[in-house]
Amino acid sequence: MYQREAEFLKAIFKDEIIECEHFGITAVRGDEAKPVIDMMCIVKNIGKIDPFNEQMKKLRYEPAGEWGITGRRLFRKGGENRSHHIHFYQFDNPQIERHLILRDYLRSRPDEAARYS
């Protein structure tokens, strides 16, 4: 599901997306995760993401702005039965590293991943 969504988003945002990452507990194999896929799209310029809000609404994504994290743009998909949280960050945002460090730590430590889950 992550891979399909990443390809779909790259088709919408084109070369503004540098890369997509799967993070959060659904990115850790073997965990009983919540059924919401957390994705991060790393982009060249976060200021170019807001103009896509109306298009994203038509595609059933709910724009949520920064949602408490400066420099992030969050989109939620699926309404009450959410399937995806799409986090957009500009390439130089320090939140990127924080998310990836936690993901990689949980992947390398199944015992900690089980506790986190």
N, C-alpha and C. Protein backbone atom coordinates (compact mmCIF):
# COMPACT_ATOMS: atom_id res chain seq x y z
N MET A 1 0.83 -1.20 0.00
CA MET A 1 0.00 0.00 0.00
C MET A 1 0.87 1.26 0.00
N TYR A 2 1.96 1.20 0.74
CA TYR A 2 2.86 2.36 0.78
C TYR A 2 3.40 2.65 -0.62
N GLN A 3 3.90 1.62 -1.28
CA GLN A 3 4.53 1.80 -2.59
C GLN A 3 3.55 2.37 -3.61
N ARG A 4 2.33 1.84 -3.62
CA ARG A 4 1.30 2.36 -4.55
C ARG A 4 1.01 3.83 -4.29
N GLU A 5 0.90 4.17 -3.02
CA GLU A 5 0.60 5.56 -2.66
C GLU A 5 1.77 6.48 -3.03
N ALA A 6 2.99 6.03 -2.81
CA ALA A 6 4.16 6.83 -3.17
C ALA A 6 4.19 7.11 -4.67
N GLU A 7 3.91 6.10 -5.46
CA GLU A 7 3.89 6.29 -6.92
C GLU A 7 2.77 7.25 -7.33
N PHE A 8 1.62 7.13 -6.69
CA PHE A 8 0.49 8.01 -6.96
C PHE A 8 0.85 9.47 -6.64
N LEU A 9 1.45 9.69 -5.49
CA LEU A 9 1.82 11.05 -5.08
C LEU A 9 2.89 11.64 -5.99
N LYS A 10 3.84 10.82 -6.42
CA LYS A 10 4.87 11.31 -7.34
C LYS A 10 4.26 11.72 -8.67
N ALA A 11 3.20 11.06 -9.08
CA ALA A 11 2.52 11.44 -10.32
C ALA A 11 1.81 12.79 -10.17
N ILE A 12 1.35 13.11 -8.98
CA ILE A 12 0.67 14.39 -8.73
C ILE A 12 1.67 15.53 -8.58
N PHE A 13 2.66 15.33 -7.70
CA PHE A 13 3.59 16.40 -7.36
C PHE A 13 4.82 16.44 -8.27
N LYS A 14 4.93 15.45 -9.10
CA LYS A 14 6.00 15.35 -10.10
C LYS A 14 7.38 15.54 -9.48
N ASP A 15 8.22 16.34 -10.10
CA ASP A 15 9.60 16.44 -9.62
C ASP A 15 9.78 17.35 -8.40
N GLU A 16 8.69 17.82 -7.82
CA GLU A 16 8.81 18.55 -6.55
C GLU A 16 9.20 17.57 -5.43
N ILE A 17 8.75 16.30 -5.55
CA ILE A 17 9.12 15.29 -4.56
C ILE A 17 10.51 14.77 -4.87
N ILE A 18 11.38 14.84 -3.88
CA ILE A 18 12.73 14.29 -4.01
C ILE A 18 12.69 12.80 -3.73
N GLU A 19 12.02 12.43 -2.64
CA GLU A 19 11.85 11.02 -2.30
C GLU A 19 10.71 10.86 -1.30
N CYS A 20 10.22 9.63 -1.19
CA CYS A 20 9.20 9.29 -0.21
C CYS A 20 9.78 8.25 0.73
N GLU A 21 9.37 8.32 1.98
CA GLU A 21 9.82 7.37 2.99
C GLU A 21 8.60 6.83 3.74
N HIS A 22 8.64 5.57 4.06
CA HIS A 22 7.64 4.94 4.91
C HIS A 22 8.21 4.97 6.32
N PHE A 23 7.46 5.50 7.27
CA PHE A 23 7.97 5.58 8.64
C PHE A 23 6.84 5.27 9.61
N GLY A 24 7.11 5.37 10.88
CA GLY A 24 6.10 5.01 11.86
C GLY A 24 6.07 3.49 12.04
N ILE A 25 5.19 3.04 12.87
CA ILE A 25 5.18 1.63 13.24
C ILE A 25 4.77 0.73 12.07
N THR A 26 4.02 1.23 11.10
CA THR A 26 3.66 0.38 9.95
C THR A 26 4.86 0.09 9.07
N ALA A 27 5.96 0.82 9.27
CA ALA A 27 7.18 0.59 8.49
C ALA A 27 8.09 -0.46 9.14
N VAL A 28 7.65 -1.00 10.27
CA VAL A 28 8.43 -1.99 11.00
C VAL A 28 7.77 -3.35 10.82
N ARG A 29 8.46 -4.27 10.18
CA ARG A 29 7.92 -5.61 9.93
C ARG A 29 7.65 -6.36 11.22
N GLY A 30 6.51 -7.06 11.22
CA GLY A 30 6.19 -7.94 12.33
C GLY A 30 5.46 -7.28 13.48
N ASP A 31 5.25 -5.98 13.43
CA ASP A 31 4.53 -5.33 14.52
C ASP A 31 3.05 -5.29 14.24
N GLU A 32 2.30 -5.32 15.31
CA GLU A 32 0.86 -5.15 15.20
C GLU A 32 0.60 -3.65 15.21
N ALA A 33 0.58 -3.10 14.04
CA ALA A 33 0.51 -1.65 13.91
C ALA A 33 -0.92 -1.19 13.72
N LYS A 34 -1.13 0.08 14.02
CA LYS A 34 -2.40 0.69 13.68
C LYS A 34 -2.54 0.63 12.16
N PRO A 35 -3.73 0.59 11.65
CA PRO A 35 -3.89 0.40 10.20
C PRO A 35 -3.73 1.68 9.38
N VAL A 36 -2.95 2.63 9.85
CA VAL A 36 -2.72 3.88 9.12
C VAL A 36 -1.26 3.93 8.70
N ILE A 37 -1.03 4.10 7.41
CA ILE A 37 0.33 4.16 6.88
C ILE A 37 0.83 5.60 6.98
N ASP A 38 1.96 5.77 7.66
CA ASP A 38 2.60 7.08 7.76
C ASP A 38 3.65 7.15 6.66
N MET A 39 3.53 8.19 5.85
CA MET A 39 4.46 8.41 4.75
C MET A 39 5.03 9.81 4.86
N MET A 40 6.25 9.94 4.41
CA MET A 40 6.90 11.25 4.38
C MET A 40 7.34 11.52 2.95
N CYS A 41 6.93 12.65 2.42
CA CYS A 41 7.40 13.09 1.11
C CYS A 41 8.36 14.25 1.35
N ILE A 42 9.58 14.04 0.94
CA ILE A 42 10.61 15.07 1.09
C ILE A 42 10.62 15.86 -0.21
N VAL A 43 10.43 17.17 -0.08
CA VAL A 43 10.25 18.02 -1.25
C VAL A 43 11.32 19.11 -1.33
N LYS A 44 11.42 19.67 -2.51
CA LYS A 44 12.39 20.75 -2.74
C LYS A 44 11.99 22.03 -2.03
N ASN A 45 10.69 22.38 -2.09
CA ASN A 45 10.22 23.65 -1.56
C ASN A 45 8.85 23.45 -0.93
N ILE A 46 8.76 23.52 0.38
CA ILE A 46 7.49 23.30 1.08
C ILE A 46 6.44 24.33 0.67
N GLY A 47 6.87 25.51 0.26
CA GLY A 47 5.94 26.55 -0.16
C GLY A 47 5.16 26.19 -1.42
N LYS A 48 5.62 25.22 -2.16
CA LYS A 48 4.93 24.82 -3.39
C LYS A 48 3.90 23.73 -3.14
N ILE A 49 3.72 23.30 -1.90
CA ILE A 49 2.78 22.23 -1.59
C ILE A 49 1.36 22.75 -1.37
N ASP A 50 1.19 23.86 -0.67
CA ASP A 50 -0.14 24.39 -0.38
C ASP A 50 -1.01 24.60 -1.62
N PRO A 51 -0.47 25.05 -2.75
CA PRO A 51 -1.33 25.21 -3.92
C PRO A 51 -1.99 23.90 -4.41
N PHE A 52 -1.54 22.77 -3.93
CA PHE A 52 -2.13 21.49 -4.31
C PHE A 52 -3.33 21.11 -3.43
N ASN A 53 -3.64 21.91 -2.41
CA ASN A 53 -4.70 21.53 -1.47
C ASN A 53 -6.03 21.20 -2.13
N GLU A 54 -6.48 22.02 -3.04
CA GLU A 54 -7.78 21.78 -3.69
C GLU A 54 -7.75 20.49 -4.52
N GLN A 55 -6.68 20.28 -5.24
CA GLN A 55 -6.54 19.05 -6.02
C GLN A 55 -6.53 17.83 -5.10
N MET A 56 -5.83 17.94 -3.99
CA MET A 56 -5.77 16.82 -3.04
C MET A 56 -7.14 16.54 -2.42
N LYS A 57 -7.92 17.58 -2.16
CA LYS A 57 -9.28 17.37 -1.64
C LYS A 57 -10.11 16.56 -2.63
N LYS A 58 -9.99 16.87 -3.91
CA LYS A 58 -10.72 16.13 -4.94
C LYS A 58 -10.29 14.67 -5.00
N LEU A 59 -9.08 14.39 -4.54
CA LEU A 59 -8.55 13.02 -4.54
C LEU A 59 -8.76 12.34 -3.18
N ARG A 60 -9.61 12.95 -2.33
CA ARG A 60 -10.01 12.40 -1.03
C ARG A 60 -8.95 12.50 0.06
N TYR A 61 -8.06 13.48 -0.07
CA TYR A 61 -7.10 13.77 0.99
C TYR A 61 -7.57 15.02 1.72
N GLU A 62 -7.46 15.02 3.01
CA GLU A 62 -7.82 16.18 3.81
C GLU A 62 -6.56 16.97 4.16
N PRO A 63 -6.40 18.19 3.65
CA PRO A 63 -5.24 19.01 4.02
C PRO A 63 -5.37 19.46 5.47
N ALA A 64 -4.30 19.32 6.25
CA ALA A 64 -4.34 19.71 7.66
C ALA A 64 -3.25 20.73 8.00
N GLY A 65 -2.59 21.29 7.00
CA GLY A 65 -1.56 22.30 7.25
C GLY A 65 -0.39 21.75 8.03
N GLU A 66 0.16 22.57 8.91
CA GLU A 66 1.33 22.15 9.70
C GLU A 66 0.96 21.15 10.79
N TRP A 67 -0.24 21.22 11.29
CA TRP A 67 -0.77 20.32 12.33
C TRP A 67 0.22 20.16 13.48
N GLY A 68 0.71 21.30 13.97
CA GLY A 68 1.55 21.31 15.16
C GLY A 68 3.04 21.14 14.95
N ILE A 69 3.48 20.92 13.72
CA ILE A 69 4.92 20.80 13.46
C ILE A 69 5.30 21.84 12.41
N THR A 70 6.08 22.81 12.82
CA THR A 70 6.49 23.89 11.92
C THR A 70 7.18 23.33 10.68
N GLY A 71 6.74 23.80 9.53
CA GLY A 71 7.36 23.41 8.27
C GLY A 71 6.80 22.14 7.66
N ARG A 72 5.85 21.49 8.32
CA ARG A 72 5.25 20.28 7.77
C ARG A 72 3.94 20.64 7.08
N ARG A 73 3.56 19.84 6.09
CA ARG A 73 2.22 19.87 5.51
C ARG A 73 1.69 18.45 5.62
N LEU A 74 0.56 18.31 6.29
CA LEU A 74 -0.02 17.00 6.53
C LEU A 74 -1.29 16.84 5.71
N PHE A 75 -1.43 15.68 5.10
CA PHE A 75 -2.66 15.31 4.41
C PHE A 75 -3.11 13.98 4.99
N ARG A 76 -4.42 13.87 5.27
CA ARG A 76 -4.97 12.62 5.78
C ARG A 76 -5.92 12.05 4.74
N LYS A 77 -5.87 10.75 4.55
CA LYS A 77 -6.69 10.10 3.54
C LYS A 77 -7.60 9.08 4.22
N GLY A 78 -8.87 9.09 3.85
CA GLY A 78 -9.78 8.06 4.32
C GLY A 78 -10.83 8.52 5.31
N GLY A 79 -10.90 9.80 5.61
CA GLY A 79 -11.94 10.29 6.53
C GLY A 79 -11.86 9.62 7.89
N GLU A 80 -13.01 9.14 8.39
CA GLU A 80 -13.06 8.49 9.71
C GLU A 80 -12.31 7.16 9.72
N ASN A 81 -12.17 6.54 8.55
CA ASN A 81 -11.44 5.27 8.44
C ASN A 81 -10.11 5.53 7.72
N ARG A 82 -9.30 6.38 8.31
CA ARG A 82 -8.06 6.80 7.67
C ARG A 82 -7.18 5.63 7.29
N SER A 83 -6.59 5.77 6.10
CA SER A 83 -5.66 4.75 5.63
C SER A 83 -4.23 5.28 5.56
N HIS A 84 -4.08 6.60 5.37
CA HIS A 84 -2.75 7.19 5.19
C HIS A 84 -2.66 8.56 5.87
N HIS A 85 -1.49 8.82 6.41
CA HIS A 85 -1.08 10.16 6.83
C HIS A 85 0.13 10.49 5.97
N ILE A 86 0.02 11.56 5.18
CA ILE A 86 1.11 11.96 4.30
C ILE A 86 1.74 13.23 4.87
N HIS A 87 2.98 13.13 5.28
CA HIS A 87 3.70 14.26 5.87
C HIS A 87 4.67 14.78 4.81
N PHE A 88 4.54 16.05 4.47
CA PHE A 88 5.47 16.69 3.53
C PHE A 88 6.44 17.55 4.32
N TYR A 89 7.73 17.40 4.04
CA TYR A 89 8.77 18.22 4.65
C TYR A 89 9.72 18.69 3.55
N GLN A 90 10.17 19.92 3.68
CA GLN A 90 11.24 20.40 2.81
C GLN A 90 12.51 19.65 3.17
N PHE A 91 13.34 19.40 2.20
CA PHE A 91 14.54 18.55 2.33
C PHE A 91 15.43 18.87 3.53
N ASP A 92 15.43 20.12 4.00
CA ASP A 92 16.34 20.51 5.07
C ASP A 92 15.67 20.59 6.44
N ASN A 93 14.46 20.06 6.57
CA ASN A 93 13.74 20.10 7.83
C ASN A 93 14.30 19.04 8.79
N PRO A 94 14.65 19.41 10.03
CA PRO A 94 15.22 18.45 10.97
C PRO A 94 14.25 17.35 11.40
N GLN A 95 12.96 17.53 11.18
CA GLN A 95 11.99 16.49 11.54
C GLN A 95 12.20 15.21 10.72
N ILE A 96 12.74 15.35 9.53
CA ILE A 96 12.97 14.19 8.67
C ILE A 96 13.87 13.20 9.40
N GLU A 97 14.99 13.68 9.89
CA GLU A 97 15.96 12.82 10.57
C GLU A 97 15.35 12.18 11.81
N ARG A 98 14.57 12.93 12.56
CA ARG A 98 13.94 12.41 13.78
C ARG A 98 13.05 11.21 13.45
N HIS A 99 12.22 11.35 12.43
CA HIS A 99 11.32 10.26 12.04
C HIS A 99 12.09 9.03 11.57
N LEU A 100 13.12 9.25 10.76
CA LEU A 100 13.87 8.12 10.20
C LEU A 100 14.72 7.43 11.25
N ILE A 101 15.26 8.17 12.20
CA ILE A 101 16.04 7.56 13.29
C ILE A 101 15.15 6.63 14.11
N LEU A 102 13.95 7.09 14.44
CA LEU A 102 13.03 6.24 15.22
C LEU A 102 12.66 4.99 14.42
N ARG A 103 12.31 5.16 13.16
CA ARG A 103 11.96 4.01 12.32
C ARG A 103 13.10 3.00 12.28
N ASP A 104 14.31 3.48 12.00
CA ASP A 104 15.46 2.58 11.88
C ASP A 104 15.79 1.90 13.21
N TYR A 105 15.64 2.62 14.30
CA TYR A 105 15.87 2.05 15.62
C TYR A 105 14.88 0.90 15.86
N LEU A 106 13.60 1.15 15.59
CA LEU A 106 12.59 0.12 15.81
C LEU A 106 12.79 -1.09 14.89
N ARG A 107 13.24 -0.85 13.69
CA ARG A 107 13.53 -1.96 12.77
C ARG A 107 14.68 -2.82 13.28
N SER A 108 15.64 -2.21 13.94
CA SER A 108 16.81 -2.95 14.40
C SER A 108 16.62 -3.55 15.80
N ARG A 109 15.56 -3.17 16.48
CA ARG A 109 15.32 -3.64 17.85
C ARG A 109 13.89 -4.16 17.98
N PRO A 110 13.64 -5.40 17.59
CA PRO A 110 12.28 -5.96 17.66
C PRO A 110 11.67 -5.88 19.06
N ASP A 111 12.49 -6.01 20.09
CA ASP A 111 11.97 -5.91 21.46
C ASP A 111 11.41 -4.52 21.73
N GLU A 112 12.12 -3.49 21.29
CA GLU A 112 11.65 -2.12 21.48
C GLU A 112 10.44 -1.83 20.58
N ALA A 113 10.46 -2.38 19.39
CA ALA A 113 9.32 -2.19 18.48
C ALA A 113 8.06 -2.78 19.08
N ALA A 114 8.17 -3.94 19.73
CA ALA A 114 7.01 -4.56 20.35
C ALA A 114 6.47 -3.69 21.48
N ARG A 115 7.38 -3.11 22.27
CA ARG A 115 6.94 -2.21 23.34
C ARG A 115 6.28 -0.95 22.78
N TYR A 116 6.87 -0.41 21.73
CA TYR A 116 6.34 0.81 21.09
C TYR A 116 4.95 0.56 20.52
N SER A 117 4.80 -0.60 19.90
CA SER A 117 3.54 -0.97 19.26
C SER A 117 2.45 -1.14 20.30
